[in-house]
């Protein structure tokens, strides 16, 4: 069985409500750590990345598509590198590491980028279902508070 190692770790800055990061899309923000890895390891053949696995719990609004794939393309990784978004709510980032670990042990690849991402300031507001047809008693909820 192959050994699996975490080689490096990079994170984005932590923002605050209506702060400087509030205008940045989630996939653009998620691309920054990948770019950072590319700068730290310029001699790595980035086309040899077997998968980018990114946990994202919310997946609403801007995050509703495969943000792992979007982030890797925005970071400048080759389009041949696949991306997978994992949603396990609060454990999504950890699940991305577990997915990569299992893939390495199953000989499904050697080099993975695992990550977790949330950008809660940009999540959409959610309108609840009405109590019955044609009744307008719906409530508006901030989806960042789960």
Protein backbone atom coordinates (compact mmCIF):
# COMPACT_ATOMS: atom_id res chain seq x y z
CA UNK A 1 0.00 0.00 0.00
CA UNK A 2 1.36 3.44 -0.94
CA UNK A 3 2.18 6.00 1.71
CA UNK A 4 0.35 9.33 1.54
CA UNK A 5 1.80 12.61 2.81
CA UNK A 6 0.59 16.17 3.25
CA UNK A 7 3.41 18.17 1.73
CA UNK A 8 2.33 21.79 2.16
CA UNK A 9 -0.50 24.00 3.31
CA UNK A 10 -1.65 27.43 2.18
CA UNK A 11 -4.73 29.39 3.19
CA UNK A 12 -6.46 32.54 2.11
CA UNK A 13 -6.77 35.54 4.40
CA UNK A 14 -9.73 35.67 6.77
CA UNK A 15 -12.20 38.38 5.93
CA UNK A 16 -14.88 40.17 7.84
CA UNK A 17 -18.45 41.22 7.08
CA UNK A 18 -18.44 43.77 4.24
CA UNK A 19 -14.63 43.77 4.32
CA UNK A 20 -12.17 43.90 1.44
CA UNK A 21 -12.81 40.26 0.47
CA UNK A 22 -16.57 40.75 0.16
CA UNK A 23 -16.26 41.73 -3.51
CA UNK A 24 -14.18 38.65 -4.43
CA UNK A 25 -16.00 35.65 -5.89
CA UNK A 26 -15.54 32.34 -4.07
CA UNK A 27 -13.87 30.58 -7.01
CA UNK A 28 -11.45 33.49 -7.48
CA UNK A 29 -10.58 33.37 -3.77
CA UNK A 30 -10.09 29.58 -3.90
CA UNK A 31 -7.71 29.98 -6.84
CA UNK A 32 -5.21 32.00 -4.77
CA UNK A 33 -3.84 29.10 -2.64
CA UNK A 34 -3.45 26.99 -5.78
CA UNK A 35 -1.51 29.83 -7.42
CA UNK A 36 0.58 30.02 -4.25
CA UNK A 37 1.46 26.33 -4.55
CA UNK A 38 2.40 26.84 -8.19
CA UNK A 39 4.76 29.65 -7.16
CA UNK A 40 6.32 27.59 -4.34
CA UNK A 41 6.94 24.58 -6.60
CA UNK A 42 7.78 25.97 -10.06
CA UNK A 43 9.58 22.78 -11.11
CA UNK A 44 6.56 20.53 -10.55
CA UNK A 45 4.85 19.31 -13.70
CA UNK A 46 1.43 20.78 -12.91
CA UNK A 47 -0.18 18.69 -15.66
CA UNK A 48 0.69 15.64 -13.52
CA UNK A 49 -1.82 16.61 -10.80
CA UNK A 50 -4.24 13.70 -10.63
CA UNK A 51 -7.14 15.68 -9.17
CA UNK A 52 -8.04 18.84 -7.28
CA UNK A 53 -10.54 17.90 -4.58
CA UNK A 54 -12.15 20.81 -2.79
CA UNK A 55 -14.70 20.76 -0.01
CA UNK A 56 -17.47 23.35 -0.15
CA UNK A 57 -20.38 23.13 2.28
CA UNK A 58 -22.70 25.83 1.04
CA UNK A 59 -22.86 25.34 -2.74
CA UNK A 60 -25.49 28.01 -3.30
CA UNK A 61 -25.34 31.10 -5.47
CA UNK A 62 -21.85 31.53 -6.90
CA UNK A 63 -20.69 28.27 -5.29
CA UNK A 64 -23.37 26.15 -6.96
CA UNK A 65 -21.15 24.68 -9.65
CA UNK A 66 -17.97 22.64 -9.41
CA UNK A 67 -15.89 25.26 -7.60
CA UNK A 68 -12.87 22.95 -7.49
CA UNK A 69 -12.78 22.87 -11.27
CA UNK A 70 -13.41 26.61 -11.56
CA UNK A 71 -10.68 27.43 -9.02
CA UNK A 72 -8.06 25.23 -10.67
CA UNK A 73 -8.74 26.78 -14.07
CA UNK A 74 -8.65 30.31 -12.63
CA UNK A 75 -5.34 29.44 -10.95
CA UNK A 76 -3.86 28.49 -14.32
CA UNK A 77 -3.63 24.72 -13.96
CA UNK A 78 -3.92 22.88 -17.29
CA UNK A 79 -7.48 22.13 -18.44
CA UNK A 80 -6.55 18.43 -18.41
CA UNK A 81 -6.44 18.47 -14.59
CA UNK A 82 -9.82 17.38 -13.17
CA UNK A 83 -11.56 18.98 -10.23
CA UNK A 84 -14.10 17.53 -7.80
CA UNK A 85 -16.18 19.40 -5.26
CA UNK A 86 -17.12 17.52 -2.08
CA UNK A 87 -20.00 18.60 0.15
CA UNK A 88 -20.10 17.16 3.64
CA UNK A 89 -21.11 20.40 5.35
CA UNK A 90 -18.67 21.31 8.14
CA UNK A 91 -16.28 18.45 7.33
CA UNK A 92 -15.96 19.12 3.59
CA UNK A 93 -12.33 20.24 3.68
CA UNK A 94 -11.32 17.24 5.77
CA UNK A 95 -13.28 14.96 3.44
CA UNK A 96 -11.28 16.26 0.49
CA UNK A 97 -8.09 15.12 2.23
CA UNK A 98 -9.61 11.73 2.99
CA UNK A 99 -10.69 11.34 -0.66
CA UNK A 100 -7.14 12.04 -1.85
CA UNK A 101 -5.69 9.67 0.78
CA UNK A 102 -7.99 6.86 -0.34
CA UNK A 103 -7.23 7.49 -4.02
CA UNK A 104 -3.50 7.26 -3.35
CA UNK A 105 -3.94 4.02 -1.40
CA UNK A 106 -6.06 2.60 -4.22
CA UNK A 107 -3.34 3.52 -6.76
CA UNK A 108 -5.69 5.96 -8.49
CA UNK A 109 -3.08 8.71 -8.50
CA UNK A 110 -0.01 10.13 -6.83
CA UNK A 111 -0.41 13.91 -6.60
CA UNK A 112 -3.57 15.62 -5.38
CA UNK A 113 -4.50 19.08 -4.23
CA UNK A 114 -7.01 18.93 -1.37
CA UNK A 115 -8.73 22.00 -0.04
CA UNK A 116 -11.74 23.39 1.73
CA UNK A 117 -13.42 26.66 0.80
CA UNK A 118 -16.24 28.84 2.00
CA UNK A 119 -16.99 32.45 1.29
CA UNK A 120 -19.94 33.06 3.54
CA UNK A 121 -20.26 36.80 2.94
CA UNK A 122 -21.42 36.11 -0.63
CA UNK A 123 -23.96 33.35 0.02
CA UNK A 124 -27.51 34.07 -1.13
CA UNK A 125 -30.56 34.77 0.95
CA UNK A 126 -33.09 31.91 0.92
CA UNK A 127 -36.86 32.26 0.69
CA UNK A 128 -38.71 29.61 2.70
CA UNK A 129 -41.62 27.63 1.27
CA UNK A 130 -45.08 29.01 1.86
CA UNK A 131 -47.32 27.13 4.29
CA UNK A 132 -49.74 26.32 1.46
CA UNK A 133 -50.51 27.22 -2.15
CA UNK A 134 -51.13 30.93 -2.81
CA UNK A 135 -50.33 31.91 0.78
CA UNK A 136 -47.60 34.50 1.02
CA UNK A 137 -46.15 33.80 4.45
CA UNK A 138 -42.62 32.93 3.36
CA UNK A 139 -39.64 34.19 5.32
CA UNK A 140 -36.24 35.35 4.08
CA UNK A 141 -33.19 33.68 5.67
CA UNK A 142 -29.46 34.38 5.46
CA UNK A 143 -28.09 31.00 4.35
CA UNK A 144 -24.71 31.71 5.95
CA UNK A 145 -26.23 31.01 9.36
CA UNK A 146 -27.38 27.49 8.34
